[in-house]
Amino acid sequence: MRTYRLEYSEKQQWLRMDNGNHPEMTNGFVVIKDNCTDEECQLIECFLYRNETHGPLTENKSHYTTVDVLRAVNELNDFRKHLKEYNFKIQKIK
């Protein structure tokens, strides 16, 4: 499975999966997670936008800081760790 560097731009409000084409920490992007798969990125997006009523691309969207995104990633990691302790896992439906 291919992995990417997940980056976030607070100014652009955009999560980007970089495959090595861009130097780290450029154009306002900061590294959120290294070695991130497609599924992990999608899960992070779902978790981050979980309180949005109309999805992440509407005018009702909250303004997320880099700290908000990092906090969401940490909360998700903790949640997944607890699921694993009970033999649960999150799996994408194919």
Protein backbone atom coordinates (compact mmCIF):
# COMPACT_ATOMS: atom_id res chain seq x y z
CA MET A 1 0.00 0.00 0.00
CA ARG A 2 1.39 3.37 -0.99
CA THR A 3 1.90 6.01 1.69
CA TYR A 4 2.04 9.77 1.57
CA ARG A 5 2.94 12.73 3.75
CA LEU A 6 -0.28 14.34 4.98
CA GLU A 7 0.04 18.12 5.14
CA TYR A 8 -2.33 20.91 6.08
CA SER A 9 -2.55 24.58 5.10
CA GLU A 10 -4.44 26.67 7.62
CA LYS A 11 -4.68 29.57 5.18
CA GLN A 12 -6.08 27.42 2.38
CA GLN A 13 -8.04 25.11 4.75
CA TRP A 14 -6.77 22.14 2.78
CA LEU A 15 -5.41 18.70 3.64
CA ARG A 16 -2.92 17.55 1.01
CA MET A 17 -1.43 14.12 0.49
CA ASP A 18 2.06 14.72 -0.83
CA ASN A 19 3.88 11.93 -2.64
CA GLY A 20 7.26 13.65 -2.45
CA ASN A 21 6.68 16.17 -5.23
CA HIS A 22 6.77 19.13 -2.83
CA PRO A 23 9.43 20.01 -0.27
CA GLU A 24 8.20 19.70 3.33
CA MET A 25 6.83 22.77 5.06
CA THR A 26 6.40 24.91 1.92
CA ASN A 27 3.62 27.16 0.62
CA GLY A 28 2.03 27.35 4.06
CA PHE A 29 1.66 23.58 4.49
CA VAL A 30 2.77 21.83 7.66
CA VAL A 31 3.28 18.09 8.10
CA ILE A 32 0.43 16.45 9.97
CA LYS A 33 1.39 12.79 9.53
CA ASP A 34 4.09 10.86 7.70
CA ASN A 35 3.44 7.52 6.00
CA CYS A 36 -0.30 8.12 5.67
CA THR A 37 -2.39 5.83 3.44
CA ASP A 38 -5.39 6.91 1.35
CA GLU A 39 -7.73 5.28 3.85
CA GLU A 40 -6.07 6.99 6.83
CA CYS A 41 -6.37 10.38 5.12
CA GLN A 42 -10.06 9.79 4.41
CA LEU A 43 -10.62 8.69 7.99
CA ILE A 44 -8.84 11.81 9.30
CA GLU A 45 -11.00 14.00 7.05
CA CYS A 46 -14.19 12.27 8.26
CA PHE A 47 -13.14 12.67 11.87
CA LEU A 48 -12.11 16.30 11.45
CA TYR A 49 -15.36 17.25 9.72
CA ARG A 50 -17.59 15.11 11.96
CA ASN A 51 -19.44 18.14 13.35
CA GLU A 52 -20.04 19.82 9.99
CA THR A 53 -23.70 19.81 9.06
CA HIS A 54 -23.27 20.21 5.32
CA GLY A 55 -19.85 18.68 4.68
CA PRO A 56 -16.41 20.26 4.49
CA LEU A 57 -16.86 22.23 1.28
CA THR A 58 -19.76 24.48 2.19
CA GLU A 59 -19.86 28.06 3.40
CA ASN A 60 -20.93 26.80 6.85
CA LYS A 61 -17.48 25.26 7.29
CA SER A 62 -15.57 26.06 10.45
CA HIS A 63 -12.10 27.55 10.23
CA TYR A 64 -9.69 24.85 11.37
CA THR A 65 -6.31 25.80 12.78
CA THR A 66 -3.30 23.53 12.45
CA VAL A 67 -3.68 22.80 16.18
CA ASP A 68 -7.30 21.68 15.57
CA VAL A 69 -6.16 19.27 12.86
CA LEU A 70 -3.33 17.87 14.97
CA ARG A 71 -5.70 17.47 17.93
CA ALA A 72 -8.21 15.61 15.75
CA VAL A 73 -5.48 13.26 14.50
CA ASN A 74 -4.39 12.54 18.08
CA GLU A 75 -7.99 11.96 19.22
CA LEU A 76 -8.56 9.60 16.30
CA ASN A 77 -5.36 7.69 17.10
CA ASP A 78 -6.46 7.32 20.73
CA PHE A 79 -9.91 6.15 19.62
CA ARG A 80 -8.42 3.57 17.26
CA LYS A 81 -6.11 2.34 20.03
CA HIS A 82 -9.09 1.80 22.33
CA LEU A 83 -11.00 0.01 19.59
CA LYS A 84 -8.07 -2.34 19.11
CA GLU A 85 -8.05 -3.17 22.83
CA TYR A 86 -11.60 -4.50 22.34
CA ASN A 87 -10.77 -6.24 19.06
CA PHE A 88 -12.65 -3.72 16.92
CA LYS A 89 -11.31 -1.97 13.87
CA ILE A 90 -12.50 0.58 11.36
CA GLN A 91 -12.67 -0.88 7.88
CA LYS A 92 -13.57 0.70 4.57
CA ILE A 93 -16.47 -0.91 2.72
CA LYS A 94 -15.43 -1.90 -0.77
